[in-house]
Amino acid sequence: LKQKIKTFKAVQQKEELLRLQLEKFGELKIAIATTM
């Protein structure tokens, strides 16, 4: 159980990091389109 919970938490942190990165990529695309 403790090992699985630790793994779940690590995966959740990675998922949140990816979510933030995707959000930043979306902002970057808007910035590029605006300058274009």
ModelCIF file with pLDDT and N, C-alpha, C, O atoms, coordinates in Angstrom:
data_MODEL
#
_entry.id   MODEL 
#
_entity.id                         1 
_entity.type                       polymer 
_entity.pdbx_number_of_molecules   1 
#
_entity_poly.entity_id                      1 
_entity_poly.type                           'polypeptide(L)' 
_entity_poly.nstd_linkage                   no 
_entity_poly.nstd_monomer                   no 
_entity_poly.pdbx_seq_one_letter_code       LKQKIKTFKAVQQKEELLRLQLEKFGELKIAIATTM 
_entity_poly.pdbx_seq_one_letter_code_can   LKQKIKTFKAVQQKEELLRLQLEKFGELKIAIATTM 
_entity_poly.pdbx_strand_id                 A 
#
loop_
_entity_poly_seq.entity_id 
_entity_poly_seq.num 
_entity_poly_seq.mon_id 
_entity_poly_seq.hetero 
1 1  LEU n 
1 2  LYS n 
1 3  GLN n 
1 4  LYS n 
1 5  ILE n 
1 6  LYS n 
1 7  THR n 
1 8  PHE n 
1 9  LYS n 
1 10 ALA n 
1 11 VAL n 
1 12 GLN n 
1 13 GLN n 
1 14 LYS n 
1 15 GLU n 
1 16 GLU n 
1 17 LEU n 
1 18 LEU n 
1 19 ARG n 
1 20 LEU n 
1 21 GLN n 
1 22 LEU n 
1 23 GLU n 
1 24 LYS n 
1 25 PHE n 
1 26 GLY n 
1 27 GLU n 
1 28 LEU n 
1 29 LYS n 
1 30 ILE n 
1 31 ALA n 
1 32 ILE n 
1 33 ALA n 
1 34 THR n 
1 35 THR n 
1 36 MET n 
#
_struct_asym.id          A 
_struct_asym.entity_id   1 
#
loop_
_ma_qa_metric.id 
_ma_qa_metric.mode 
_ma_qa_metric.name 
_ma_qa_metric.software_group_id 
_ma_qa_metric.type 
1 global pLDDT . pLDDT 
2 local  pLDDT . pLDDT 
#
_ma_qa_metric_global.metric_id      1 
_ma_qa_metric_global.metric_value   93.06 
_ma_qa_metric_global.model_id       1 
_ma_qa_metric_global.ordinal_id     1 
#
loop_
_ma_qa_metric_local.label_asym_id 
_ma_qa_metric_local.label_comp_id 
_ma_qa_metric_local.label_seq_id 
_ma_qa_metric_local.metric_id 
_ma_qa_metric_local.metric_value 
_ma_qa_metric_local.model_id 
_ma_qa_metric_local.ordinal_id 
A LEU 1  2 83.00 1 1  
A LYS 2  2 83.00 1 2  
A GLN 3  2 86.00 1 3  
A LYS 4  2 86.00 1 4  
A ILE 5  2 86.00 1 5  
A LYS 6  2 89.00 1 6  
A THR 7  2 91.00 1 7  
A PHE 8  2 89.00 1 8  
A LYS 9  2 89.00 1 9  
A ALA 10 2 94.00 1 10 
A VAL 11 2 94.00 1 11 
A GLN 12 2 91.00 1 12 
A GLN 13 2 95.00 1 13 
A LYS 14 2 97.00 1 14 
A GLU 15 2 95.00 1 15 
A GLU 16 2 95.00 1 16 
A LEU 17 2 97.00 1 17 
A LEU 18 2 97.00 1 18 
A ARG 19 2 96.00 1 19 
A LEU 20 2 97.00 1 20 
A GLN 21 2 97.00 1 21 
A LEU 22 2 97.00 1 22 
A GLU 23 2 97.00 1 23 
A LYS 24 2 97.00 1 24 
A PHE 25 2 96.00 1 25 
A GLY 26 2 96.00 1 26 
A GLU 27 2 96.00 1 27 
A LEU 28 2 96.00 1 28 
A LYS 29 2 95.00 1 29 
A ILE 30 2 95.00 1 30 
A ALA 31 2 94.00 1 31 
A ILE 32 2 95.00 1 32 
A ALA 33 2 94.00 1 33 
A THR 34 2 93.00 1 34 
A THR 35 2 92.00 1 35 
A MET 36 2 90.00 1 36 
#
loop_
_atom_site.group_PDB 
_atom_site.id 
_atom_site.type_symbol 
_atom_site.label_atom_id 
_atom_site.label_alt_id 
_atom_site.label_comp_id 
_atom_site.label_asym_id 
_atom_site.label_entity_id 
_atom_site.label_seq_id 
_atom_site.pdbx_PDB_ins_code 
_atom_site.Cartn_x 
_atom_site.Cartn_y 
_atom_site.Cartn_z 
_atom_site.occupancy 
_atom_site.B_iso_or_equiv 
_atom_site.pdbx_formal_charge 
_atom_site.auth_seq_id 
_atom_site.auth_comp_id 
_atom_site.auth_asym_id 
_atom_site.auth_atom_id 
_atom_site.pdbx_PDB_model_num 
ATOM 1   N N  . LEU A 1 1  ? 0.812  -1.215 0.000   1.00 83.00 ? 1  LEU A N  1 
ATOM 2   C CA . LEU A 1 1  ? 0.000  0.000  0.000   1.00 83.00 ? 1  LEU A CA 1 
ATOM 3   C C  . LEU A 1 1  ? 0.847  1.268  0.000   1.00 83.00 ? 1  LEU A C  1 
ATOM 4   O O  . LEU A 1 1  ? 0.623  2.157  -0.821  1.00 83.00 ? 1  LEU A O  1 
ATOM 5   N N  . LYS A 1 2  ? 1.806  1.364  0.897   1.00 83.00 ? 2  LYS A N  1 
ATOM 6   C CA . LYS A 1 2  ? 2.625  2.579  0.990   1.00 83.00 ? 2  LYS A CA 1 
ATOM 7   C C  . LYS A 1 2  ? 3.394  2.826  -0.298  1.00 83.00 ? 2  LYS A C  1 
ATOM 8   O O  . LYS A 1 2  ? 3.528  3.970  -0.734  1.00 83.00 ? 2  LYS A O  1 
ATOM 9   N N  . GLN A 1 3  ? 3.893  1.776  -0.900  1.00 86.00 ? 3  GLN A N  1 
ATOM 10  C CA . GLN A 1 3  ? 4.623  1.896  -2.157  1.00 86.00 ? 3  GLN A CA 1 
ATOM 11  C C  . GLN A 1 3  ? 3.691  2.369  -3.277  1.00 86.00 ? 3  GLN A C  1 
ATOM 12  O O  . GLN A 1 3  ? 4.063  3.228  -4.077  1.00 86.00 ? 3  GLN A O  1 
ATOM 13  N N  . LYS A 1 4  ? 2.497  1.816  -3.329  1.00 86.00 ? 4  LYS A N  1 
ATOM 14  C CA . LYS A 1 4  ? 1.530  2.199  -4.374  1.00 86.00 ? 4  LYS A CA 1 
ATOM 15  C C  . LYS A 1 4  ? 1.073  3.647  -4.199  1.00 86.00 ? 4  LYS A C  1 
ATOM 16  O O  . LYS A 1 4  ? 0.922  4.374  -5.181  1.00 86.00 ? 4  LYS A O  1 
ATOM 17  N N  . ILE A 1 5  ? 0.853  4.067  -2.950  1.00 86.00 ? 5  ILE A N  1 
ATOM 18  C CA . ILE A 1 5  ? 0.442  5.448  -2.694  1.00 86.00 ? 5  ILE A CA 1 
ATOM 19  C C  . ILE A 1 5  ? 1.546  6.402  -3.121  1.00 86.00 ? 5  ILE A C  1 
ATOM 20  O O  . ILE A 1 5  ? 1.278  7.442  -3.723  1.00 86.00 ? 5  ILE A O  1 
ATOM 21  N N  . LYS A 1 6  ? 2.780  6.049  -2.811  1.00 89.00 ? 6  LYS A N  1 
ATOM 22  C CA . LYS A 1 6  ? 3.921  6.875  -3.207  1.00 89.00 ? 6  LYS A CA 1 
ATOM 23  C C  . LYS A 1 6  ? 3.995  6.982  -4.730  1.00 89.00 ? 6  LYS A C  1 
ATOM 24  O O  . LYS A 1 6  ? 4.263  8.057  -5.268  1.00 89.00 ? 6  LYS A O  1 
ATOM 25  N N  . THR A 1 7  ? 3.756  5.868  -5.421  1.00 91.00 ? 7  THR A N  1 
ATOM 26  C CA . THR A 1 7  ? 3.760  5.864  -6.876  1.00 91.00 ? 7  THR A CA 1 
ATOM 27  C C  . THR A 1 7  ? 2.612  6.703  -7.431  1.00 91.00 ? 7  THR A C  1 
ATOM 28  O O  . THR A 1 7  ? 2.808  7.474  -8.370  1.00 91.00 ? 7  THR A O  1 
ATOM 29  N N  . PHE A 1 8  ? 1.411  6.559  -6.856  1.00 89.00 ? 8  PHE A N  1 
ATOM 30  C CA . PHE A 1 8  ? 0.263  7.378  -7.284  1.00 89.00 ? 8  PHE A CA 1 
ATOM 31  C C  . PHE A 1 8  ? 0.572  8.862  -7.139  1.00 89.00 ? 8  PHE A C  1 
ATOM 32  O O  . PHE A 1 8  ? 0.278  9.646  -8.042  1.00 89.00 ? 8  PHE A O  1 
ATOM 33  N N  . LYS A 1 9  ? 1.157  9.254  -6.023  1.00 89.00 ? 9  LYS A N  1 
ATOM 34  C CA . LYS A 1 9  ? 1.477  10.669 -5.792  1.00 89.00 ? 9  LYS A CA 1 
ATOM 35  C C  . LYS A 1 9  ? 2.504  11.169 -6.792  1.00 89.00 ? 9  LYS A C  1 
ATOM 36  O O  . LYS A 1 9  ? 2.388  12.292 -7.283  1.00 89.00 ? 9  LYS A O  1 
ATOM 37  N N  . ALA A 1 10 ? 3.511  10.353 -7.103  1.00 94.00 ? 10 ALA A N  1 
ATOM 38  C CA . ALA A 1 10 ? 4.526  10.747 -8.084  1.00 94.00 ? 10 ALA A CA 1 
ATOM 39  C C  . ALA A 1 10 ? 3.907  10.927 -9.464  1.00 94.00 ? 10 ALA A C  1 
ATOM 40  O O  . ALA A 1 10 ? 4.227  11.880 -10.173 1.00 94.00 ? 10 ALA A O  1 
ATOM 41  N N  . VAL A 1 11 ? 3.020  10.007 -9.842  1.00 94.00 ? 11 VAL A N  1 
ATOM 42  C CA . VAL A 1 11 ? 2.348  10.112 -11.140 1.00 94.00 ? 11 VAL A CA 1 
ATOM 43  C C  . VAL A 1 11 ? 1.466  11.355 -11.174 1.00 94.00 ? 11 VAL A C  1 
ATOM 44  O O  . VAL A 1 11 ? 1.410  12.049 -12.189 1.00 94.00 ? 11 VAL A O  1 
ATOM 45  N N  . GLN A 1 12 ? 0.777  11.641 -10.072 1.00 91.00 ? 12 GLN A N  1 
ATOM 46  C CA . GLN A 1 12 ? -0.079 12.828 -10.016 1.00 91.00 ? 12 GLN A CA 1 
ATOM 47  C C  . GLN A 1 12 ? 0.746  14.108 -10.162 1.00 91.00 ? 12 GLN A C  1 
ATOM 48  O O  . GLN A 1 12 ? 0.318  15.043 -10.839 1.00 91.00 ? 12 GLN A O  1 
ATOM 49  N N  . GLN A 1 13 ? 1.915  14.158 -9.537  1.00 95.00 ? 13 GLN A N  1 
ATOM 50  C CA . GLN A 1 13 ? 2.779  15.335 -9.662  1.00 95.00 ? 13 GLN A CA 1 
ATOM 51  C C  . GLN A 1 13 ? 3.256  15.507 -11.100 1.00 95.00 ? 13 GLN A C  1 
ATOM 52  O O  . GLN A 1 13 ? 3.282  16.623 -11.620 1.00 95.00 ? 13 GLN A O  1 
ATOM 53  N N  . LYS A 1 14 ? 3.633  14.403 -11.742 1.00 97.00 ? 14 LYS A N  1 
ATOM 54  C CA . LYS A 1 14 ? 4.072  14.463 -13.148 1.00 97.00 ? 14 LYS A CA 1 
ATOM 55  C C  . LYS A 1 14 ? 2.925  14.912 -14.046 1.00 97.00 ? 14 LYS A C  1 
ATOM 56  O O  . LYS A 1 14 ? 3.126  15.698 -14.971 1.00 97.00 ? 14 LYS A O  1 
ATOM 57  N N  . GLU A 1 15 ? 1.728  14.413 -13.773 1.00 95.00 ? 15 GLU A N  1 
ATOM 58  C CA . GLU A 1 15 ? 0.557  14.791 -14.555 1.00 95.00 ? 15 GLU A CA 1 
ATOM 59  C C  . GLU A 1 15 ? 0.281  16.291 -14.422 1.00 95.00 ? 15 GLU A C  1 
ATOM 60  O O  . GLU A 1 15 ? -0.029 16.957 -15.410 1.00 95.00 ? 15 GLU A O  1 
ATOM 61  N N  . GLU A 1 16 ? 0.394  16.814 -13.217 1.00 95.00 ? 16 GLU A N  1 
ATOM 62  C CA . GLU A 1 16 ? 0.186  18.248 -12.995 1.00 95.00 ? 16 GLU A CA 1 
ATOM 63  C C  . GLU A 1 16 ? 1.249  19.069 -13.719 1.00 95.00 ? 16 GLU A C  1 
ATOM 64  O O  . GLU A 1 16 ? 0.943  20.115 -14.291 1.00 95.00 ? 16 GLU A O  1 
ATOM 65  N N  . LEU A 1 17 ? 2.485  18.604 -13.695 1.00 97.00 ? 17 LEU A N  1 
ATOM 66  C CA . LEU A 1 17 ? 3.563  19.288 -14.409 1.00 97.00 ? 17 LEU A CA 1 
ATOM 67  C C  . LEU A 1 17 ? 3.288  19.305 -15.907 1.00 97.00 ? 17 LEU A C  1 
ATOM 68  O O  . LEU A 1 17 ? 3.462  20.335 -16.558 1.00 97.00 ? 17 LEU A O  1 
ATOM 69  N N  . LEU A 1 18 ? 2.861  18.178 -16.454 1.00 97.00 ? 18 LEU A N  1 
ATOM 70  C CA . LEU A 1 18 ? 2.522  18.132 -17.878 1.00 97.00 ? 18 LEU A CA 1 
ATOM 71  C C  . LEU A 1 18 ? 1.345  19.037 -18.215 1.00 97.00 ? 18 LEU A C  1 
ATOM 72  O O  . LEU A 1 18 ? 1.330  19.674 -19.268 1.00 97.00 ? 18 LEU A O  1 
ATOM 73  N N  . ARG A 1 19 ? 0.365  19.094 -17.328 1.00 96.00 ? 19 ARG A N  1 
ATOM 74  C CA . ARG A 1 19 ? -0.792 19.966 -17.544 1.00 96.00 ? 19 ARG A CA 1 
ATOM 75  C C  . ARG A 1 19 ? -0.342 21.432 -17.621 1.00 96.00 ? 19 ARG A C  1 
ATOM 76  O O  . ARG A 1 19 ? -0.794 22.189 -18.481 1.00 96.00 ? 19 ARG A O  1 
ATOM 77  N N  . LEU A 1 20 ? 0.552  21.814 -16.710 1.00 97.00 ? 20 LEU A N  1 
ATOM 78  C CA . LEU A 1 20 ? 1.070  23.187 -16.721 1.00 97.00 ? 20 LEU A CA 1 
ATOM 79  C C  . LEU A 1 20 ? 1.889  23.453 -17.987 1.00 97.00 ? 20 LEU A C  1 
ATOM 80  O O  . LEU A 1 20 ? 1.794  24.532 -18.572 1.00 97.00 ? 20 LEU A O  1 
ATOM 81  N N  . GLN A 1 21 ? 2.689  22.474 -18.409 1.00 97.00 ? 21 GLN A N  1 
ATOM 82  C CA . GLN A 1 21 ? 3.476  22.641 -19.625 1.00 97.00 ? 21 GLN A CA 1 
ATOM 83  C C  . GLN A 1 21 ? 2.574  22.799 -20.838 1.00 97.00 ? 21 GLN A C  1 
ATOM 84  O O  . GLN A 1 21 ? 2.842  23.638 -21.698 1.00 97.00 ? 21 GLN A O  1 
ATOM 85  N N  . LEU A 1 22 ? 1.508  22.007 -20.925 1.00 97.00 ? 22 LEU A N  1 
ATOM 86  C CA . LEU A 1 22 ? 0.569  22.138 -22.043 1.00 97.00 ? 22 LEU A CA 1 
ATOM 87  C C  . LEU A 1 22 ? -0.106 23.500 -22.045 1.00 97.00 ? 22 LEU A C  1 
ATOM 88  O O  . LEU A 1 22 ? -0.340 24.082 -23.105 1.00 97.00 ? 22 LEU A O  1 
ATOM 89  N N  . GLU A 1 23 ? -0.417 24.005 -20.865 1.00 97.00 ? 23 GLU A N  1 
ATOM 90  C CA . GLU A 1 23 ? -1.011 25.337 -20.760 1.00 97.00 ? 23 GLU A CA 1 
ATOM 91  C C  . GLU A 1 23 ? -0.041 26.394 -21.283 1.00 97.00 ? 23 GLU A C  1 
ATOM 92  O O  . GLU A 1 23 ? -0.444 27.310 -21.999 1.00 97.00 ? 23 GLU A O  1 
ATOM 93  N N  . LYS A 1 24 ? 1.229  26.266 -20.929 1.00 97.00 ? 24 LYS A N  1 
ATOM 94  C CA . LYS A 1 24 ? 2.247  27.221 -21.401 1.00 97.00 ? 24 LYS A CA 1 
ATOM 95  C C  . LYS A 1 24 ? 2.442  27.122 -22.909 1.00 97.00 ? 24 LYS A C  1 
ATOM 96  O O  . LYS A 1 24 ? 2.638  28.137 -23.576 1.00 97.00 ? 24 LYS A O  1 
ATOM 97  N N  . PHE A 1 25 ? 2.390  25.898 -23.455 1.00 96.00 ? 25 PHE A N  1 
ATOM 98  C CA . PHE A 1 25 ? 2.476  25.746 -24.900 1.00 96.00 ? 25 PHE A CA 1 
ATOM 99  C C  . PHE A 1 25 ? 1.308  26.429 -25.593 1.00 96.00 ? 25 PHE A C  1 
ATOM 100 O O  . PHE A 1 25 ? 1.481  27.034 -26.651 1.00 96.00 ? 25 PHE A O  1 
ATOM 101 N N  . GLY A 1 26 ? 0.131  26.338 -25.012 1.00 96.00 ? 26 GLY A N  1 
ATOM 102 C CA . GLY A 1 26 ? -1.034 27.030 -25.569 1.00 96.00 ? 26 GLY A CA 1 
ATOM 103 C C  . GLY A 1 26 ? -0.842 28.537 -25.566 1.00 96.00 ? 26 GLY A C  1 
ATOM 104 O O  . GLY A 1 26 ? -1.178 29.214 -26.538 1.00 96.00 ? 26 GLY A O  1 
ATOM 105 N N  . GLU A 1 27 ? -0.302 29.057 -24.478 1.00 96.00 ? 27 GLU A N  1 
ATOM 106 C CA . GLU A 1 27 ? -0.022 30.496 -24.399 1.00 96.00 ? 27 GLU A CA 1 
ATOM 107 C C  . GLU A 1 27 ? 1.039  30.897 -25.424 1.00 96.00 ? 27 GLU A C  1 
ATOM 108 O O  . GLU A 1 27 ? 0.954  31.962 -26.035 1.00 96.00 ? 27 GLU A O  1 
ATOM 109 N N  . LEU A 1 28 ? 2.036  30.032 -25.602 1.00 96.00 ? 28 LEU A N  1 
ATOM 110 C CA . LEU A 1 28 ? 3.083  30.303 -26.582 1.00 96.00 ? 28 LEU A CA 1 
ATOM 111 C C  . LEU A 1 28 ? 2.519  30.352 -27.995 1.00 96.00 ? 28 LEU A C  1 
ATOM 112 O O  . LEU A 1 28 ? 2.907  31.214 -28.784 1.00 96.00 ? 28 LEU A O  1 
ATOM 113 N N  . LYS A 1 29 ? 1.609  29.438 -28.323 1.00 95.00 ? 29 LYS A N  1 
ATOM 114 C CA . LYS A 1 29 ? 0.993  29.434 -29.648 1.00 95.00 ? 29 LYS A CA 1 
ATOM 115 C C  . LYS A 1 29 ? 0.195  30.717 -29.880 1.00 95.00 ? 29 LYS A C  1 
ATOM 116 O O  . LYS A 1 29 ? 0.215  31.277 -30.976 1.00 95.00 ? 29 LYS A O  1 
ATOM 117 N N  . ILE A 1 30 ? -0.503 31.175 -28.848 1.00 95.00 ? 30 ILE A N  1 
ATOM 118 C CA . ILE A 1 30 ? -1.269 32.426 -28.970 1.00 95.00 ? 30 ILE A CA 1 
ATOM 119 C C  . ILE A 1 30 ? -0.318 33.597 -29.187 1.00 95.00 ? 30 ILE A C  1 
ATOM 120 O O  . ILE A 1 30 ? -0.590 34.478 -30.003 1.00 95.00 ? 30 ILE A O  1 
ATOM 121 N N  . ALA A 1 31 ? 0.799  33.606 -28.457 1.00 94.00 ? 31 ALA A N  1 
ATOM 122 C CA . ALA A 1 31 ? 1.773  34.693 -28.596 1.00 94.00 ? 31 ALA A CA 1 
ATOM 123 C C  . ALA A 1 31 ? 2.368  34.690 -30.003 1.00 94.00 ? 31 ALA A C  1 
ATOM 124 O O  . ALA A 1 31 ? 2.531  35.753 -30.601 1.00 94.00 ? 31 ALA A O  1 
ATOM 125 N N  . ILE A 1 32 ? 2.692  33.521 -30.537 1.00 95.00 ? 32 ILE A N  1 
ATOM 126 C CA . ILE A 1 32 ? 3.251  33.430 -31.893 1.00 95.00 ? 32 ILE A CA 1 
ATOM 127 C C  . ILE A 1 32 ? 2.218  33.893 -32.904 1.00 95.00 ? 32 ILE A C  1 
ATOM 128 O O  . ILE A 1 32 ? 2.553  34.637 -33.826 1.00 95.00 ? 32 ILE A O  1 
ATOM 129 N N  . ALA A 1 33 ? 0.962  33.469 -32.752 1.00 94.00 ? 33 ALA A N  1 
ATOM 130 C CA . ALA A 1 33 ? -0.096 33.888 -33.687 1.00 94.00 ? 33 ALA A CA 1 
ATOM 131 C C  . ALA A 1 33 ? -0.312 35.392 -33.610 1.00 94.00 ? 33 ALA A C  1 
ATOM 132 O O  . ALA A 1 33 ? -0.551 36.035 -34.632 1.00 94.00 ? 33 ALA A O  1 
ATOM 133 N N  . THR A 1 34 ? -0.231 35.958 -32.419 1.00 93.00 ? 34 THR A N  1 
ATOM 134 C CA . THR A 1 34 ? -0.418 37.407 -32.255 1.00 93.00 ? 34 THR A CA 1 
ATOM 135 C C  . THR A 1 34 ? 0.696  38.183 -32.976 1.00 93.00 ? 34 THR A C  1 
ATOM 136 O O  . THR A 1 34 ? 0.429  39.164 -33.669 1.00 93.00 ? 34 THR A O  1 
ATOM 137 N N  . THR A 1 35 ? 1.953  37.728 -32.803 1.00 92.00 ? 35 THR A N  1 
ATOM 138 C CA . THR A 1 35 ? 3.059  38.427 -33.451 1.00 92.00 ? 35 THR A CA 1 
ATOM 139 C C  . THR A 1 35 ? 3.034  38.234 -34.974 1.00 92.00 ? 35 THR A C  1 
ATOM 140 O O  . THR A 1 35 ? 3.502  39.096 -35.717 1.00 92.00 ? 35 THR A O  1 
ATOM 141 N N  . MET A 1 36 ? 2.495  37.114 -35.430 1.00 90.00 ? 36 MET A N  1 
ATOM 142 C CA . MET A 1 36 ? 2.412  36.838 -36.861 1.00 90.00 ? 36 MET A CA 1 
ATOM 143 C C  . MET A 1 36 ? 1.445  37.806 -37.544 1.00 90.00 ? 36 MET A C  1 
ATOM 144 O O  . MET A 1 36 ? 1.245  37.726 -38.756 1.00 90.00 ? 36 MET A O  1 
#
